[in-house]
């Protein structure tokens, strides 16, 4: 299992290229395999340029870039250039976002998201193929059409090939798209090992089968909730933070299926009602609804020296990449024993 980290913007907007470079250099020296940049209040691609410049082995990805805020051609250019600049270390992680953001924030069309996403990725791959081979670009679909590519606008073929494409998915339809059209899956953090085995993996297999592929070269990169700390006080703080995060996710109706699989369907409705109430302390109250059994299903709970083993036990047969999702204040060095443990497993694997 490869262990990844997040490349984030500094609080307060005080950020520099030097800061991104230092963060990437530290991640590489600490033994991380990959570094992922997210799209929220900032562009997800720009920090990776600084990271690529100062690292040599670290893979660099987006988790995620919003596909429907762009078009296949514009994203094909960006991904191609980052793959070239990083010398083959770029991982393109995509997500759909939700309808209100696509239509009202980005001003872009929304319809049949799973079908649109599959076609978006197929169109992007067709563009990369045209650049690599010099063959005419002739992609026509229900959502996108790309039929013009003159030599002046075609970049030279990348010596590293196209980047791997990962897709973030919650529902089974989008998960099937990941299996059908992508190199990897980014499951939503609001998941459990049981849900991954009983719902996510079968959907991936259906997608792979639809495109005549096997799971041998398919990657699953999991951002997993963890509760850890060196002292009882730190463990309690971590537990509180994770309970609040679980409650926030569980209040979203789209995520009810995960709860329902475990027989906790009523919990989702209860938390949704709380989130929509006028109570000034509703978010704190929501966290109080989450008990330790629910935390144990959604998060790996272990002290630092046992965390690596616990992650391997729970997800070792599911995910080949993992990053620590810790929604609480913590020392980044907290993860070093787990990184060492899981890296040793990687090196000794037959």
C-alpha atoms as a PDB file:
ATOM      1  CA  UNK A   1       0.000   0.000   0.000  1.00  0.00           C
ATOM      2  CA  UNK A   2       1.394   3.374  -1.028  1.00  0.00           C
ATOM      3  CA  UNK A   3       0.927   6.237   1.407  1.00  0.00           C
ATOM      4  CA  UNK A   4       0.066   9.660   0.035  1.00  0.00           C
ATOM      5  CA  UNK A   5      -0.218  13.165   1.463  1.00  0.00           C
ATOM      6  CA  UNK A   6      -2.149  16.334   0.671  1.00  0.00           C
ATOM      7  CA  UNK A   7      -0.661  19.529  -0.719  1.00  0.00           C
ATOM      8  CA  UNK A   8      -2.698  22.355   0.768  1.00  0.00           C
ATOM      9  CA  UNK A   9      -2.747  26.141   0.664  1.00  0.00           C
ATOM     10  CA  UNK A  10      -1.612  27.992   3.769  1.00  0.00           C
ATOM     11  CA  UNK A  11      -4.243  29.451   6.070  1.00  0.00           C
ATOM     12  CA  UNK A  12      -5.091  33.074   5.422  1.00  0.00           C
ATOM     13  CA  UNK A  13      -4.066  32.936   1.786  1.00  0.00           C
ATOM     14  CA  UNK A  14      -0.379  33.567   2.532  1.00  0.00           C
ATOM     15  CA  UNK A  15       1.164  31.114   0.124  1.00  0.00           C
ATOM     16  CA  UNK A  16       4.176  31.066  -2.168  1.00  0.00           C
ATOM     17  CA  UNK A  17       5.715  28.793  -4.744  1.00  0.00           C
ATOM     18  CA  UNK A  18       8.542  28.256  -2.265  1.00  0.00           C
ATOM     19  CA  UNK A  19       6.045  27.023   0.308  1.00  0.00           C
ATOM     20  CA  UNK A  20       4.567  24.485  -2.088  1.00  0.00           C
ATOM     21  CA  UNK A  21       8.056  23.365  -3.083  1.00  0.00           C
ATOM     22  CA  UNK A  22       9.133  22.907   0.520  1.00  0.00           C
ATOM     23  CA  UNK A  23       5.992  20.932   1.314  1.00  0.00           C
ATOM     24  CA  UNK A  24       6.612  18.616  -1.630  1.00  0.00           C
ATOM     25  CA  UNK A  25      10.288  18.160  -0.798  1.00  0.00           C
ATOM     26  CA  UNK A  26       9.393  17.279   2.808  1.00  0.00           C
ATOM     27  CA  UNK A  27       6.745  14.782   1.706  1.00  0.00           C
ATOM     28  CA  UNK A  28       9.230  13.027  -0.564  1.00  0.00           C
ATOM     29  CA  UNK A  29      11.917  12.855   2.130  1.00  0.00           C
ATOM     30  CA  UNK A  30       9.371  11.580   4.687  1.00  0.00           C
ATOM     31  CA  UNK A  31       8.660   8.570   2.499  1.00  0.00           C
ATOM     32  CA  UNK A  32       5.317   9.484   0.955  1.00  0.00           C
ATOM     33  CA  UNK A  33       4.647   8.048  -2.485  1.00  0.00           C
ATOM     34  CA  UNK A  34       2.247  10.686  -3.761  1.00  0.00           C
ATOM     35  CA  UNK A  35       1.003  14.208  -3.150  1.00  0.00           C
ATOM     36  CA  UNK A  36      -2.534  15.266  -4.031  1.00  0.00           C
ATOM     37  CA  UNK A  37      -3.863  18.785  -4.559  1.00  0.00           C
ATOM     38  CA  UNK A  38      -7.573  19.578  -4.201  1.00  0.00           C
ATOM     39  CA  UNK A  39      -9.884  22.012  -5.966  1.00  0.00           C
ATOM     40  CA  UNK A  40     -11.887  24.033  -3.485  1.00  0.00           C
ATOM     41  CA  UNK A  41     -11.027  27.730  -3.110  1.00  0.00           C
ATOM     42  CA  UNK A  42      -7.952  27.447  -5.345  1.00  0.00           C
ATOM     43  CA  UNK A  43      -6.812  25.976  -8.641  1.00  0.00           C
ATOM     44  CA  UNK A  44      -5.679  22.351  -8.129  1.00  0.00           C
ATOM     45  CA  UNK A  45      -3.012  22.280 -10.839  1.00  0.00           C
ATOM     46  CA  UNK A  46      -0.802  25.299 -10.151  1.00  0.00           C
ATOM     47  CA  UNK A  47       0.753  24.051  -6.857  1.00  0.00           C
ATOM     48  CA  UNK A  48       1.838  20.849  -8.583  1.00  0.00           C
ATOM     49  CA  UNK A  49       4.166  22.765 -10.913  1.00  0.00           C
ATOM     50  CA  UNK A  50       6.236  23.920  -7.933  1.00  0.00           C
ATOM     51  CA  UNK A  51       6.124  20.403  -6.462  1.00  0.00           C
ATOM     52  CA  UNK A  52       7.276  18.815  -9.715  1.00  0.00           C
ATOM     53  CA  UNK A  53      10.254  21.152  -9.942  1.00  0.00           C
ATOM     54  CA  UNK A  54      11.855  20.026  -6.653  1.00  0.00           C
ATOM     55  CA  UNK A  55      10.976  16.312  -6.511  1.00  0.00           C
ATOM     56  CA  UNK A  56      12.006  13.304  -8.562  1.00  0.00           C
ATOM     57  CA  UNK A  57      10.076  10.263  -7.315  1.00  0.00           C
ATOM     58  CA  UNK A  58       6.915  11.720  -5.771  1.00  0.00           C
ATOM     59  CA  UNK A  59       3.767  11.206  -7.825  1.00  0.00           C
ATOM     60  CA  UNK A  60       1.618  14.322  -8.098  1.00  0.00           C
ATOM     61  CA  UNK A  61      -2.132  14.301  -8.509  1.00  0.00           C
ATOM     62  CA  UNK A  62      -5.408  16.183  -8.253  1.00  0.00           C
ATOM     63  CA  UNK A  63      -7.974  14.905  -5.803  1.00  0.00           C
ATOM     64  CA  UNK A  64      -9.976  16.244  -7.295  1.00  0.00           C
ATOM     65  CA  UNK A  65     -10.230  18.588 -10.267  1.00  0.00           C
ATOM     66  CA  UNK A  66     -13.822  19.340 -11.260  1.00  0.00           C
ATOM     67  CA  UNK A  67     -14.279  17.840 -14.711  1.00  0.00           C
ATOM     68  CA  UNK A  68     -17.592  19.475 -15.590  1.00  0.00           C
ATOM     69  CA  UNK A  69     -16.193  22.934 -14.849  1.00  0.00           C
ATOM     70  CA  UNK A  70     -13.999  22.401 -17.914  1.00  0.00           C
ATOM     71  CA  UNK A  71     -14.173  20.661 -21.273  1.00  0.00           C
ATOM     72  CA  UNK A  72     -12.182  17.651 -22.502  1.00  0.00           C
ATOM     73  CA  UNK A  73      -9.883  19.737 -24.716  1.00  0.00           C
ATOM     74  CA  UNK A  74      -8.849  22.275 -22.083  1.00  0.00           C
ATOM     75  CA  UNK A  75      -8.243  19.562 -19.519  1.00  0.00           C
ATOM     76  CA  UNK A  76      -6.332  17.426 -22.027  1.00  0.00           C
ATOM     77  CA  UNK A  77      -3.847  20.272 -22.526  1.00  0.00           C
ATOM     78  CA  UNK A  78      -3.361  20.876 -18.788  1.00  0.00           C
ATOM     79  CA  UNK A  79      -2.916  17.202 -17.967  1.00  0.00           C
ATOM     80  CA  UNK A  80      -0.583  16.606 -20.904  1.00  0.00           C
ATOM     81  CA  UNK A  81       1.657  19.491 -19.873  1.00  0.00           C
ATOM     82  CA  UNK A  82       1.785  18.460 -16.213  1.00  0.00           C
ATOM     83  CA  UNK A  83       2.609  14.896 -17.237  1.00  0.00           C
ATOM     84  CA  UNK A  84       5.489  16.241 -19.324  1.00  0.00           C
ATOM     85  CA  UNK A  85       6.733  18.724 -16.712  1.00  0.00           C
ATOM     86  CA  UNK A  86       6.694  16.057 -13.981  1.00  0.00           C
ATOM     87  CA  UNK A  87       8.391  13.502 -16.256  1.00  0.00           C
ATOM     88  CA  UNK A  88       5.526  11.035 -16.077  1.00  0.00           C
ATOM     89  CA  UNK A  89       4.543  11.471 -12.427  1.00  0.00           C
ATOM     90  CA  UNK A  90       1.163  13.180 -12.847  1.00  0.00           C
ATOM     91  CA  UNK A  91      -2.104  11.524 -11.756  1.00  0.00           C
ATOM     92  CA  UNK A  92      -5.277  13.189 -13.030  1.00  0.00           C
ATOM     93  CA  UNK A  93      -7.982  12.785 -10.403  1.00  0.00           C
ATOM     94  CA  UNK A  94     -11.412  13.975 -11.557  1.00  0.00           C
ATOM     95  CA  UNK A  95     -14.761  14.507  -9.894  1.00  0.00           C
ATOM     96  CA  UNK A  96     -18.191  15.630 -11.031  1.00  0.00           C
ATOM     97  CA  UNK A  97     -19.137  18.001  -8.177  1.00  0.00           C
ATOM     98  CA  UNK A  98     -22.913  18.463  -7.756  1.00  0.00           C
ATOM     99  CA  UNK A  99     -25.489  20.112  -9.967  1.00  0.00           C
ATOM    100  CA  UNK A 100     -25.898  23.479  -8.139  1.00  0.00           C
ATOM    101  CA  UNK A 101     -22.147  24.138  -8.271  1.00  0.00           C
ATOM    102  CA  UNK A 102     -21.795  23.155 -11.920  1.00  0.00           C
ATOM    103  CA  UNK A 103     -24.771  25.200 -13.085  1.00  0.00           C
ATOM    104  CA  UNK A 104     -24.694  28.162 -10.680  1.00  0.00           C
ATOM    105  CA  UNK A 105     -21.009  28.503  -9.724  1.00  0.00           C
ATOM    106  CA  UNK A 106     -19.307  27.438 -12.950  1.00  0.00           C
ATOM    107  CA  UNK A 107     -22.114  28.242 -15.386  1.00  0.00           C
ATOM    108  CA  UNK A 108     -21.718  24.920 -17.170  1.00  0.00           C
ATOM    109  CA  UNK A 109     -24.282  22.328 -18.305  1.00  0.00           C
ATOM    110  CA  UNK A 110     -25.365  19.406 -16.142  1.00  0.00           C
ATOM    111  CA  UNK A 111     -27.140  16.258 -17.299  1.00  0.00           C
ATOM    112  CA  UNK A 112     -26.795  12.486 -16.779  1.00  0.00           C
ATOM    113  CA  UNK A 113     -23.540  12.862 -14.810  1.00  0.00           C
ATOM    114  CA  UNK A 114     -22.334   9.256 -15.081  1.00  0.00           C
ATOM    115  CA  UNK A 115     -22.853   9.091 -18.848  1.00  0.00           C
ATOM    116  CA  UNK A 116     -21.390  12.570 -19.299  1.00  0.00           C
ATOM    117  CA  UNK A 117     -18.332  11.696 -17.232  1.00  0.00           C
ATOM    118  CA  UNK A 118     -17.608   8.548 -19.208  1.00  0.00           C
ATOM    119  CA  UNK A 119     -17.833  10.463 -22.471  1.00  0.00           C
ATOM    120  CA  UNK A 120     -15.706  13.297 -21.074  1.00  0.00           C
ATOM    121  CA  UNK A 121     -12.895  10.857 -20.254  1.00  0.00           C
ATOM    122  CA  UNK A 122     -13.227   9.024 -23.577  1.00  0.00           C
ATOM    123  CA  UNK A 123     -13.047  12.351 -25.440  1.00  0.00           C
ATOM    124  CA  UNK A 124      -9.948  13.377 -23.507  1.00  0.00           C
ATOM    125  CA  UNK A 125      -8.280  10.057 -24.277  1.00  0.00           C
ATOM    126  CA  UNK A 126      -9.149  10.491 -27.976  1.00  0.00           C
ATOM    127  CA  UNK A 127      -7.414  13.876 -27.927  1.00  0.00           C
ATOM    128  CA  UNK A 128      -4.291  12.413 -26.294  1.00  0.00           C
ATOM    129  CA  UNK A 129      -4.248   9.640 -28.894  1.00  0.00           C
ATOM    130  CA  UNK A 130      -4.451  12.151 -31.752  1.00  0.00           C
ATOM    131  CA  UNK A 131      -1.495  14.065 -30.313  1.00  0.00           C
ATOM    132  CA  UNK A 132       0.526  10.878 -29.794  1.00  0.00           C
ATOM    133  CA  UNK A 133      -0.123   9.338 -33.207  1.00  0.00           C
ATOM    134  CA  UNK A 134      -0.802  12.291 -35.488  1.00  0.00           C
ATOM    135  CA  UNK A 135      -4.055  10.673 -36.594  1.00  0.00           C
ATOM    136  CA  UNK A 136      -7.059  12.927 -37.272  1.00  0.00           C
ATOM    137  CA  UNK A 137      -9.193  13.806 -34.274  1.00  0.00           C
ATOM    138  CA  UNK A 138     -12.695  12.496 -34.847  1.00  0.00           C
ATOM    139  CA  UNK A 139     -14.603  12.293 -31.590  1.00  0.00           C
ATOM    140  CA  UNK A 140     -18.360  12.720 -31.694  1.00  0.00           C
ATOM    141  CA  UNK A 141     -20.540  11.965 -28.694  1.00  0.00           C
ATOM    142  CA  UNK A 142     -23.815  12.923 -27.081  1.00  0.00           C
ATOM    143  CA  UNK A 143     -22.224  15.636 -24.919  1.00  0.00           C
ATOM    144  CA  UNK A 144     -18.895  16.530 -26.548  1.00  0.00           C
ATOM    145  CA  UNK A 145     -17.591  16.793 -30.080  1.00  0.00           C
ATOM    146  CA  UNK A 146     -13.930  17.303 -31.004  1.00  0.00           C
ATOM    147  CA  UNK A 147     -13.139  17.130 -34.693  1.00  0.00           C
ATOM    148  CA  UNK A 148     -10.511  19.816 -35.287  1.00  0.00           C
ATOM    149  CA  UNK A 149      -6.822  19.503 -34.474  1.00  0.00           C
ATOM    150  CA  UNK A 150      -4.260  21.176 -36.709  1.00  0.00           C
ATOM    151  CA  UNK A 151      -0.489  20.692 -36.273  1.00  0.00           C
ATOM    152  CA  UNK A 152      -0.038  24.212 -34.880  1.00  0.00           C
ATOM    153  CA  UNK A 153      -2.286  23.397 -31.895  1.00  0.00           C
ATOM    154  CA  UNK A 154      -1.065  19.842 -31.301  1.00  0.00           C
ATOM    155  CA  UNK A 155       1.709  19.530 -28.670  1.00  0.00           C
ATOM    156  CA  UNK A 156       4.553  17.098 -29.341  1.00  0.00           C
ATOM    157  CA  UNK A 157       3.824  13.541 -28.167  1.00  0.00           C
ATOM    158  CA  UNK A 158       4.664  13.052 -24.518  1.00  0.00           C
ATOM    159  CA  UNK A 159       7.610  10.659 -24.027  1.00  0.00           C
ATOM    160  CA  UNK A 160       5.895   9.523 -20.830  1.00  0.00           C
ATOM    161  CA  UNK A 161       2.517   8.638 -22.302  1.00  0.00           C
ATOM    162  CA  UNK A 162      -0.790   9.994 -21.005  1.00  0.00           C
ATOM    163  CA  UNK A 163      -1.315  10.401 -17.250  1.00  0.00           C
ATOM    164  CA  UNK A 164      -3.257   7.871 -15.233  1.00  0.00           C
ATOM    165  CA  UNK A 165      -6.861   8.980 -14.741  1.00  0.00           C
ATOM    166  CA  UNK A 166      -8.613   8.496 -11.392  1.00  0.00           C
ATOM    167  CA  UNK A 167     -12.279   9.210 -10.780  1.00  0.00           C
ATOM    168  CA  UNK A 168     -13.970  10.160  -7.509  1.00  0.00           C
ATOM    169  CA  UNK A 169     -17.249   8.339  -7.026  1.00  0.00           C
ATOM    170  CA  UNK A 170     -19.938   7.892  -4.401  1.00  0.00           C
ATOM    171  CA  UNK A 171     -22.795   6.126  -6.183  1.00  0.00           C
ATOM    172  CA  UNK A 172     -22.571   2.825  -8.008  1.00  0.00           C
ATOM    173  CA  UNK A 173     -23.150   4.323 -11.474  1.00  0.00           C
ATOM    174  CA  UNK A 174     -20.168   6.672 -11.245  1.00  0.00           C
ATOM    175  CA  UNK A 175     -18.111   3.881  -9.690  1.00  0.00           C
ATOM    176  CA  UNK A 176     -18.874   1.738 -12.732  1.00  0.00           C
ATOM    177  CA  UNK A 177     -17.615   4.578 -14.941  1.00  0.00           C
ATOM    178  CA  UNK A 178     -14.338   4.507 -13.035  1.00  0.00           C
ATOM    179  CA  UNK A 179     -13.976   0.809 -13.776  1.00  0.00           C
ATOM    180  CA  UNK A 180     -14.979   1.225 -17.406  1.00  0.00           C
ATOM    181  CA  UNK A 181     -12.960   4.287 -18.420  1.00  0.00           C
ATOM    182  CA  UNK A 182     -10.307   5.056 -15.779  1.00  0.00           C
ATOM    183  CA  UNK A 183      -7.076   3.755 -14.306  1.00  0.00           C
ATOM    184  CA  UNK A 184      -8.191   4.190 -10.728  1.00  0.00           C
ATOM    185  CA  UNK A 185     -10.917   5.091  -8.256  1.00  0.00           C
ATOM    186  CA  UNK A 186     -11.007   7.715  -5.504  1.00  0.00           C
ATOM    187  CA  UNK A 187     -13.731   6.484  -3.115  1.00  0.00           C
ATOM    188  CA  UNK A 188     -15.429   9.076  -0.973  1.00  0.00           C
ATOM    189  CA  UNK A 189     -14.020   9.186   2.597  1.00  0.00           C
ATOM    190  CA  UNK A 190     -17.523   8.526   3.940  1.00  0.00           C
ATOM    191  CA  UNK A 191     -17.285   4.802   3.436  1.00  0.00           C
ATOM    192  CA  UNK A 192     -16.614   1.619   5.367  1.00  0.00           C
ATOM    193  CA  UNK A 193     -14.682  -1.542   4.608  1.00  0.00           C
ATOM    194  CA  UNK A 194     -17.989  -3.401   4.324  1.00  0.00           C
ATOM    195  CA  UNK A 195     -19.435  -0.862   1.883  1.00  0.00           C
ATOM    196  CA  UNK A 196     -16.266  -0.984  -0.191  1.00  0.00           C
ATOM    197  CA  UNK A 197     -16.424  -4.784  -0.401  1.00  0.00           C
ATOM    198  CA  UNK A 198     -20.162  -5.191  -0.912  1.00  0.00           C
ATOM    199  CA  UNK A 199     -20.993  -2.154  -3.058  1.00  0.00           C
ATOM    200  CA  UNK A 200     -17.915  -0.384  -4.413  1.00  0.00           C
ATOM    201  CA  UNK A 201     -15.758  -3.290  -5.588  1.00  0.00           C
ATOM    202  CA  UNK A 202     -18.632  -5.071  -7.403  1.00  0.00           C
ATOM    203  CA  UNK A 203     -19.451  -1.814  -9.218  1.00  0.00           C
ATOM    204  CA  UNK A 204     -15.804  -1.456 -10.247  1.00  0.00           C
ATOM    205  CA  UNK A 205     -15.824  -5.033 -11.510  1.00  0.00           C
ATOM    206  CA  UNK A 206     -18.944  -4.382 -13.589  1.00  0.00           C
ATOM    207  CA  UNK A 207     -17.270  -1.355 -15.127  1.00  0.00           C
ATOM    208  CA  UNK A 208     -14.077  -3.263 -15.869  1.00  0.00           C
ATOM    209  CA  UNK A 209     -16.060  -6.106 -17.447  1.00  0.00           C
ATOM    210  CA  UNK A 210     -17.971  -3.673 -19.669  1.00  0.00           C
ATOM    211  CA  UNK A 211     -14.685  -2.499 -21.193  1.00  0.00           C
ATOM    212  CA  UNK A 212     -13.067  -5.929 -21.316  1.00  0.00           C
ATOM    213  CA  UNK A 213     -10.410  -5.155 -18.691  1.00  0.00           C
ATOM    214  CA  UNK A 214      -9.205  -6.877 -15.545  1.00  0.00           C
ATOM    215  CA  UNK A 215      -8.544  -5.415 -12.094  1.00  0.00           C
ATOM    216  CA  UNK A 216      -4.843  -6.244 -12.316  1.00  0.00           C
ATOM    217  CA  UNK A 217      -3.745  -2.701 -13.181  1.00  0.00           C
ATOM    218  CA  UNK A 218      -6.657  -0.836 -11.603  1.00  0.00           C
ATOM    219  CA  UNK A 219      -5.816   1.345  -8.593  1.00  0.00           C
ATOM    220  CA  UNK A 220      -7.950   2.320  -5.606  1.00  0.00           C
ATOM    221  CA  UNK A 221      -6.717   5.359  -3.695  1.00  0.00           C
ATOM    222  CA  UNK A 222      -8.533   5.769  -0.389  1.00  0.00           C
ATOM    223  CA  UNK A 223      -8.598   8.857   1.805  1.00  0.00           C
ATOM    224  CA  UNK A 224      -9.425   7.083   5.042  1.00  0.00           C
ATOM    225  CA  UNK A 225     -10.608   8.596   8.297  1.00  0.00           C
ATOM    226  CA  UNK A 226      -8.203   7.916  11.163  1.00  0.00           C
ATOM    227  CA  UNK A 227      -8.341   8.527  14.908  1.00  0.00           C
ATOM    228  CA  UNK A 228      -4.899   8.627  16.463  1.00  0.00           C
ATOM    229  CA  UNK A 229      -2.849  10.466  19.055  1.00  0.00           C
ATOM    230  CA  UNK A 230       0.087  10.026  21.388  1.00  0.00           C
ATOM    231  CA  UNK A 231      -1.837  10.814  24.585  1.00  0.00           C
ATOM    232  CA  UNK A 232      -5.333  10.233  25.922  1.00  0.00           C
ATOM    233  CA  UNK A 233      -6.053  13.924  25.400  1.00  0.00           C
ATOM    234  CA  UNK A 234      -4.940  13.759  21.753  1.00  0.00           C
ATOM    235  CA  UNK A 235      -6.995  10.613  21.173  1.00  0.00           C
ATOM    236  CA  UNK A 236     -10.066  12.318  22.652  1.00  0.00           C
ATOM    237  CA  UNK A 237      -9.532  15.376  20.453  1.00  0.00           C
ATOM    238  CA  UNK A 238      -9.144  13.148  17.389  1.00  0.00           C
ATOM    239  CA  UNK A 239     -12.282  11.206  18.259  1.00  0.00           C
ATOM    240  CA  UNK A 240     -14.267  14.437  18.607  1.00  0.00           C
ATOM    241  CA  UNK A 241     -13.060  15.743  15.239  1.00  0.00           C
ATOM    242  CA  UNK A 242     -13.861  12.531  13.416  1.00  0.00           C
ATOM    243  CA  UNK A 243     -17.322  12.299  14.991  1.00  0.00           C
ATOM    244  CA  UNK A 244     -18.080  15.814  13.764  1.00  0.00           C
ATOM    245  CA  UNK A 245     -16.881  14.924  10.261  1.00  0.00           C
ATOM    246  CA  UNK A 246     -18.891  11.709  10.126  1.00  0.00           C
ATOM    247  CA  UNK A 247     -21.987  13.576  11.270  1.00  0.00           C
ATOM    248  CA  UNK A 248     -21.500  16.220   8.581  1.00  0.00           C
ATOM    249  CA  UNK A 249     -21.231  13.613   5.821  1.00  0.00           C
ATOM    250  CA  UNK A 250     -24.043  11.477   7.237  1.00  0.00           C
ATOM    251  CA  UNK A 251     -26.446  14.433   7.019  1.00  0.00           C
ATOM    252  CA  UNK A 252     -26.124  14.404   3.203  1.00  0.00           C
ATOM    253  CA  UNK A 253     -28.942  12.359   1.610  1.00  0.00           C
ATOM    254  CA  UNK A 254     -26.693  11.182  -1.230  1.00  0.00           C
ATOM    255  CA  UNK A 255     -24.631   9.265   1.316  1.00  0.00           C
ATOM    256  CA  UNK A 256     -27.555   7.465   2.978  1.00  0.00           C
ATOM    257  CA  UNK A 257     -26.806   4.149   1.199  1.00  0.00           C
ATOM    258  CA  UNK A 258     -23.630   3.707   3.260  1.00  0.00           C
ATOM    259  CA  UNK A 259     -25.619   4.101   6.467  1.00  0.00           C
ATOM    260  CA  UNK A 260     -28.460   1.909   5.247  1.00  0.00           C
ATOM    261  CA  UNK A 261     -26.105  -0.977   4.534  1.00  0.00           C
ATOM    262  CA  UNK A 262     -25.218  -0.984   8.235  1.00  0.00           C
ATOM    263  CA  UNK A 263     -28.798  -0.576   9.437  1.00  0.00           C
ATOM    264  CA  UNK A 264     -28.299   3.088  10.374  1.00  0.00           C
ATOM    265  CA  UNK A 265     -30.709   4.614   7.872  1.00  0.00           C
ATOM    266  CA  UNK A 266     -32.662   6.533  10.535  1.00  0.00           C
ATOM    267  CA  UNK A 267     -29.429   8.189  11.652  1.00  0.00           C
ATOM    268  CA  UNK A 268     -29.054   9.958   8.322  1.00  0.00           C
ATOM    269  CA  UNK A 269     -32.552  11.430   8.484  1.00  0.00           C
ATOM    270  CA  UNK A 270     -31.990  12.510  12.081  1.00  0.00           C
ATOM    271  CA  UNK A 271     -28.756  14.295  11.181  1.00  0.00           C
ATOM    272  CA  UNK A 272     -30.266  15.914   8.084  1.00  0.00           C
ATOM    273  CA  UNK A 273     -33.074  17.329  10.207  1.00  0.00           C
ATOM    274  CA  UNK A 274     -30.553  18.623  12.750  1.00  0.00           C
ATOM    275  CA  UNK A 275     -28.417  20.234  10.040  1.00  0.00           C
ATOM    276  CA  UNK A 276     -31.454  22.123   8.745  1.00  0.00           C
ATOM    277  CA  UNK A 277     -32.621  23.281  12.157  1.00  0.00           C
ATOM    278  CA  UNK A 278     -32.175  26.777  13.560  1.00  0.00           C
ATOM    279  CA  UNK A 279     -30.252  25.543  16.580  1.00  0.00           C
ATOM    280  CA  UNK A 280     -27.020  27.573  16.936  1.00  0.00           C
ATOM    281  CA  UNK A 281     -25.170  24.534  18.278  1.00  0.00           C
ATOM    282  CA  UNK A 282     -26.589  22.093  15.732  1.00  0.00           C
ATOM    283  CA  UNK A 283     -23.192  21.050  14.328  1.00  0.00           C
ATOM    284  CA  UNK A 284     -21.873  20.214  17.797  1.00  0.00           C
ATOM    285  CA  UNK A 285     -25.070  18.344  18.633  1.00  0.00           C
ATOM    286  CA  UNK A 286     -24.760  16.367  15.415  1.00  0.00           C
ATOM    287  CA  UNK A 287     -21.353  15.064  16.444  1.00  0.00           C
ATOM    288  CA  UNK A 288     -22.822  13.918  19.748  1.00  0.00           C
ATOM    289  CA  UNK A 289     -25.188  11.588  17.879  1.00  0.00           C
ATOM    290  CA  UNK A 290     -22.264   9.545  16.525  1.00  0.00           C
ATOM    291  CA  UNK A 291     -21.299   6.773  18.926  1.00  0.00           C
ATOM    292  CA  UNK A 292     -18.035   4.841  19.154  1.00  0.00           C
ATOM    293  CA  UNK A 293     -19.379   1.877  17.160  1.00  0.00           C
ATOM    294  CA  UNK A 294     -20.152   4.138  14.213  1.00  0.00           C
ATOM    295  CA  UNK A 295     -16.690   5.702  14.444  1.00  0.00           C
ATOM    296  CA  UNK A 296     -15.130   2.234  14.467  1.00  0.00           C
ATOM    297  CA  UNK A 297     -16.939   1.402  11.204  1.00  0.00           C
ATOM    298  CA  UNK A 298     -15.910   4.568   9.388  1.00  0.00           C
ATOM    299  CA  UNK A 299     -12.460   5.244  10.847  1.00  0.00           C
ATOM    300  CA  UNK A 300      -9.324   3.364  11.796  1.00  0.00           C
ATOM    301  CA  UNK A 301      -8.839   3.970  15.531  1.00  0.00           C
ATOM    302  CA  UNK A 302      -5.320   3.205  16.790  1.00  0.00           C
ATOM    303  CA  UNK A 303      -2.311   4.709  18.514  1.00  0.00           C
ATOM    304  CA  UNK A 304       0.517   5.759  16.159  1.00  0.00           C
ATOM    305  CA  UNK A 305       2.607   2.603  16.625  1.00  0.00           C
ATOM    306  CA  UNK A 306      -0.360   0.363  15.763  1.00  0.00           C
ATOM    307  CA  UNK A 307      -1.926   2.519  13.052  1.00  0.00           C
ATOM    308  CA  UNK A 308      -0.042   1.062  10.086  1.00  0.00           C
ATOM    309  CA  UNK A 309      -0.973  -2.490  11.023  1.00  0.00           C
ATOM    310  CA  UNK A 310      -4.610  -1.475  11.578  1.00  0.00           C
ATOM    311  CA  UNK A 311      -4.802   0.207   8.155  1.00  0.00           C
ATOM    312  CA  UNK A 312      -3.284  -2.846   6.464  1.00  0.00           C
ATOM    313  CA  UNK A 313      -5.682  -5.154   8.300  1.00  0.00           C
ATOM    314  CA  UNK A 314      -8.755  -3.195   7.241  1.00  0.00           C
ATOM    315  CA  UNK A 315      -7.914  -2.007   3.752  1.00  0.00           C
ATOM    316  CA  UNK A 316      -4.893  -4.019   2.589  1.00  0.00           C
ATOM    317  CA  UNK A 317      -6.961  -6.190   0.248  1.00  0.00           C
ATOM    318  CA  UNK A 318      -9.021  -3.243  -1.032  1.00  0.00           C
ATOM    319  CA  UNK A 319      -6.837  -0.182  -1.599  1.00  0.00           C
ATOM    320  CA  UNK A 320      -3.324   0.088  -3.002  1.00  0.00           C
ATOM    321  CA  UNK A 321      -2.995   3.770  -2.003  1.00  0.00           C
ATOM    322  CA  UNK A 322      -3.985   5.437   1.260  1.00  0.00           C
ATOM    323  CA  UNK A 323      -3.834   8.912   2.740  1.00  0.00           C
ATOM    324  CA  UNK A 324      -4.649   9.919   6.292  1.00  0.00           C
ATOM    325  CA  UNK A 325      -7.898  11.853   6.634  1.00  0.00           C
ATOM    326  CA  UNK A 326      -7.564  13.489  10.059  1.00  0.00           C
ATOM    327  CA  UNK A 327     -10.040  16.392  10.538  1.00  0.00           C
ATOM    328  CA  UNK A 328      -8.392  17.635  13.733  1.00  0.00           C
ATOM    329  CA  UNK A 329      -5.236  19.435  14.744  1.00  0.00           C
ATOM    330  CA  UNK A 330      -2.263  17.078  14.732  1.00  0.00           C
ATOM    331  CA  UNK A 331       1.471  16.824  14.261  1.00  0.00           C
ATOM    332  CA  UNK A 332       2.322  15.507  10.753  1.00  0.00           C
ATOM    333  CA  UNK A 333       4.973  13.328  12.394  1.00  0.00           C
ATOM    334  CA  UNK A 334       2.137  11.340  13.953  1.00  0.00           C
ATOM    335  CA  UNK A 335       1.950   9.243  10.793  1.00  0.00           C
ATOM    336  CA  UNK A 336       5.628   8.305  10.522  1.00  0.00           C
ATOM    337  CA  UNK A 337       5.362   4.888  12.261  1.00  0.00           C
ATOM    338  CA  UNK A 338       2.492   3.958   9.940  1.00  0.00           C
ATOM    339  CA  UNK A 339       4.402   5.135   6.870  1.00  0.00           C
ATOM    340  CA  UNK A 340       7.438   3.089   7.909  1.00  0.00           C
ATOM    341  CA  UNK A 341       5.300   0.001   8.548  1.00  0.00           C
ATOM    342  CA  UNK A 342       3.397   0.170   5.285  1.00  0.00           C
ATOM    343  CA  UNK A 343       6.497   1.065   3.261  1.00  0.00           C
ATOM    344  CA  UNK A 344       8.275  -2.003   4.653  1.00  0.00           C
ATOM    345  CA  UNK A 345       5.307  -4.118   3.542  1.00  0.00           C
ATOM    346  CA  UNK A 346       5.582  -2.566   0.077  1.00  0.00           C
ATOM    347  CA  UNK A 347       9.304  -3.341  -0.179  1.00  0.00           C
ATOM    348  CA  UNK A 348       8.956  -6.941   1.007  1.00  0.00           C
ATOM    349  CA  UNK A 349       5.907  -7.788  -1.081  1.00  0.00           C
ATOM    350  CA  UNK A 350       6.662 -10.685  -3.516  1.00  0.00           C
END
